[in-house]
Amino acid sequence: MALEQGVALTAKWIQEKVERTTKQIAEASACSNLLHDLHHSRLVEFRKESVVFATLLPITFRGTANPRECLERLRTFFSVIVSHNLAR
C-alpha cells in the first residue's frame, strides 16, 4: 500500500469515527463543543524554559531499497530538527 493510500484510509477512518460520535450526541451545543475541541490542541504542560512537542511520522520501509535506507532518512530528518532547535 502506498503512503498516500494509507493516509487516505486513515482520514476516512477518522471521519467515520467523528461522524459516529457526533450522531450519538443529542445536544447541538455539546456536539459543537466536541468538534471545536477536535480542531484545537490544548497546552497540557507549560514550562517557561521550553515547550515540549512531538512529531508523528508514518514509519514505513516502502519506497526504500532496504530498511537501513529508511532508518538513514529518519536519522537525517531528526538531525535537521535537532540542529534547527539548537540554533534558536
Protein backbone atom coordinates (compact mmCIF):
# COMPACT_ATOMS: atom_id res chain seq x y z
CA MET A 1 0.00 0.00 0.00
CA ALA A 2 1.36 3.43 -0.94
CA LEU A 3 1.77 6.11 1.70
CA GLU A 4 -0.93 8.23 0.04
CA GLN A 5 -3.37 5.32 0.22
CA GLY A 6 -2.56 4.78 3.88
CA VAL A 7 -3.14 8.45 4.67
CA ALA A 8 -6.43 8.42 2.73
CA LEU A 9 -7.63 5.32 4.62
CA THR A 10 -6.65 6.89 7.94
CA ALA A 11 -8.51 10.11 7.08
CA LYS A 12 -11.59 8.10 6.10
CA TRP A 13 -11.44 6.15 9.37
CA ILE A 14 -11.16 9.37 11.39
CA GLN A 15 -14.09 10.93 9.51
CA GLU A 16 -16.28 7.88 10.13
CA LYS A 17 -15.34 7.83 13.81
CA VAL A 18 -16.16 11.53 14.22
CA GLU A 19 -19.48 11.13 12.40
CA ARG A 20 -20.47 8.16 14.60
CA THR A 21 -19.53 10.04 17.74
CA THR A 22 -21.37 13.24 16.79
CA LYS A 23 -24.54 11.27 15.90
CA GLN A 24 -24.61 9.95 19.46
CA ILE A 25 -24.72 13.48 20.92
CA ALA A 26 -28.26 14.82 21.15
CA GLU A 27 -27.47 18.37 22.26
CA ALA A 28 -26.25 20.68 19.47
CA SER A 29 -24.00 22.76 21.73
CA ALA A 30 -22.29 19.64 23.08
CA CYS A 31 -21.69 18.44 19.52
CA SER A 32 -20.32 21.84 18.56
CA ASN A 33 -18.01 21.83 21.59
CA LEU A 34 -16.72 18.37 20.69
CA LEU A 35 -15.95 19.42 17.11
CA HIS A 36 -14.22 22.56 18.37
CA ASP A 37 -12.09 20.51 20.78
CA LEU A 38 -11.11 18.12 17.98
CA HIS A 39 -9.84 21.05 15.90
CA HIS A 40 -7.79 22.67 18.65
CA SER A 41 -4.93 21.50 20.81
CA ARG A 42 -4.74 22.35 24.45
CA LEU A 43 -1.42 23.05 26.11
CA VAL A 44 -1.16 20.30 28.70
CA GLU A 45 2.08 21.31 30.38
CA PHE A 46 3.88 24.60 30.10
CA ARG A 47 7.34 25.37 31.39
CA LYS A 48 8.78 28.81 30.87
CA GLU A 49 12.11 27.47 29.68
CA SER A 50 10.66 25.23 26.98
CA VAL A 51 7.61 23.79 25.32
CA VAL A 52 7.76 20.08 24.51
CA PHE A 53 6.08 18.84 21.35
CA ALA A 54 6.00 15.66 19.32
CA THR A 55 6.31 14.99 15.62
CA LEU A 56 4.33 11.99 14.42
CA LEU A 57 5.72 10.21 11.40
CA PRO A 58 4.42 7.26 9.44
CA ILE A 59 7.14 4.64 9.75
CA THR A 60 7.38 2.59 6.59
CA PHE A 61 10.01 0.77 4.62
CA ARG A 62 8.01 1.08 1.40
CA GLY A 63 9.77 3.03 -1.30
CA THR A 64 13.26 2.29 0.01
CA ALA A 65 15.61 -0.39 -1.21
CA ASN A 66 16.21 -1.69 2.30
CA PRO A 67 15.31 -0.90 5.93
CA ARG A 68 18.68 0.76 6.57
CA GLU A 69 17.90 3.40 3.94
CA CYS A 70 14.61 4.21 5.70
CA LEU A 71 16.40 4.50 9.05
CA GLU A 72 19.07 6.72 7.50
CA ARG A 73 16.35 9.05 6.17
CA LEU A 74 14.79 9.21 9.65
CA ARG A 75 18.22 9.90 11.20
CA THR A 76 18.76 12.76 8.73
CA PHE A 77 15.28 14.17 9.41
CA PHE A 78 15.81 14.16 13.17
CA SER A 79 19.28 15.68 12.92
CA VAL A 80 17.78 18.59 10.97
CA ILE A 81 15.11 19.07 13.67
CA VAL A 82 17.70 18.94 16.45
CA SER A 83 20.10 21.34 14.73
CA HIS A 84 17.24 23.76 13.96
CA ASN A 85 16.05 23.73 17.58
CA LEU A 86 19.57 24.17 18.96
CA ALA A 87 20.14 27.14 16.66
CA ARG A 88 17.23 29.04 18.22
